[in-house]
């Protein structure tokens, strides 16, 4: 993953994407003015619904030309 940046804000799910080939969920999300996708077959996709409407810090990088979620952390 390249060009990793850090953003904070309220997490919103824009839409749920088709499942990966292996049946794992994928999402298109919005945080801190930036839209990004979850990686295919990533455990982060299972965590995303737990953070809807909460303040989070995320790191987002470019993976195969798409903004992709790298990590997510709750702000207390």
Protein backbone atom coordinates (compact mmCIF):
# COMPACT_ATOMS: atom_id res chain seq x y z
CA UNK A 1 0.00 0.00 0.00
CA UNK A 2 1.32 3.44 -0.94
CA UNK A 3 0.72 7.04 0.15
CA UNK A 4 -0.81 6.21 3.52
CA UNK A 5 -2.60 9.16 5.14
CA UNK A 6 -4.36 9.57 8.47
CA UNK A 7 -7.87 11.01 8.80
CA UNK A 8 -10.35 11.45 11.64
CA UNK A 9 -14.09 11.98 11.70
CA UNK A 10 -17.42 10.21 11.92
CA UNK A 11 -17.60 6.97 9.96
CA UNK A 12 -20.47 6.56 7.49
CA UNK A 13 -21.15 3.63 5.20
CA UNK A 14 -22.03 4.90 1.73
CA UNK A 15 -22.90 1.47 0.37
CA UNK A 16 -22.15 -2.18 0.76
CA UNK A 17 -20.23 -3.64 -2.17
CA UNK A 18 -20.49 -7.18 -3.52
CA UNK A 19 -18.84 -9.80 -1.34
CA UNK A 20 -15.32 -10.89 -2.22
CA UNK A 21 -14.75 -14.11 -4.14
CA UNK A 22 -14.37 -15.89 -0.79
CA UNK A 23 -17.66 -14.48 0.55
CA UNK A 24 -16.26 -11.78 2.85
CA UNK A 25 -18.05 -8.39 3.08
CA UNK A 26 -16.81 -5.19 1.42
CA UNK A 27 -17.87 -1.59 2.03
CA UNK A 28 -17.49 1.85 0.48
CA UNK A 29 -17.15 4.27 3.42
CA UNK A 30 -16.73 7.98 4.19
CA UNK A 31 -14.52 9.35 7.00
CA UNK A 32 -13.17 12.87 7.48
CA UNK A 33 -13.86 14.08 3.95
CA UNK A 34 -12.40 11.00 2.26
CA UNK A 35 -14.14 8.06 0.61
CA UNK A 36 -12.47 4.65 0.53
CA UNK A 37 -13.09 0.93 0.11
CA UNK A 38 -12.31 -1.94 2.45
CA UNK A 39 -9.82 -4.49 1.15
CA UNK A 40 -11.11 -7.79 -0.20
CA UNK A 41 -10.80 -10.58 2.37
CA UNK A 42 -9.80 -8.14 5.11
CA UNK A 43 -10.90 -8.56 8.71
CA UNK A 44 -11.42 -4.77 8.83
CA UNK A 45 -14.60 -5.21 6.79
CA UNK A 46 -16.16 -7.09 9.72
CA UNK A 47 -15.27 -4.22 12.11
CA UNK A 48 -16.66 -1.35 10.01
CA UNK A 49 -20.36 -1.78 11.02
CA UNK A 50 -19.34 -1.50 14.70
CA UNK A 51 -18.04 2.05 14.10
CA UNK A 52 -21.01 3.58 12.22
CA UNK A 53 -21.70 7.08 13.56
CA UNK A 54 -18.71 7.04 15.91
CA UNK A 55 -15.59 9.22 15.86
CA UNK A 56 -12.66 7.24 14.50
CA UNK A 57 -9.11 7.65 13.26
CA UNK A 58 -8.37 5.78 10.05
CA UNK A 59 -5.34 5.31 7.84
CA UNK A 60 -6.06 5.14 4.14
CA UNK A 61 -3.65 4.20 1.38
CA UNK A 62 -3.66 3.62 -2.35
CA UNK A 63 -3.87 -0.06 -3.31
CA UNK A 64 -4.11 -0.93 -7.02
CA UNK A 65 -5.22 2.64 -7.78
CA UNK A 66 -8.05 2.77 -5.20
CA UNK A 67 -8.26 4.49 -1.84
CA UNK A 68 -8.31 1.55 0.59
CA UNK A 69 -8.81 1.35 4.36
CA UNK A 70 -5.60 0.28 6.13
CA UNK A 71 -6.57 0.61 9.81
CA UNK A 72 -9.36 1.92 12.02
CA UNK A 73 -9.32 3.04 15.65
CA UNK A 74 -12.01 4.47 17.94
CA UNK A 75 -11.46 7.96 19.43
CA UNK A 76 -12.49 8.03 23.07
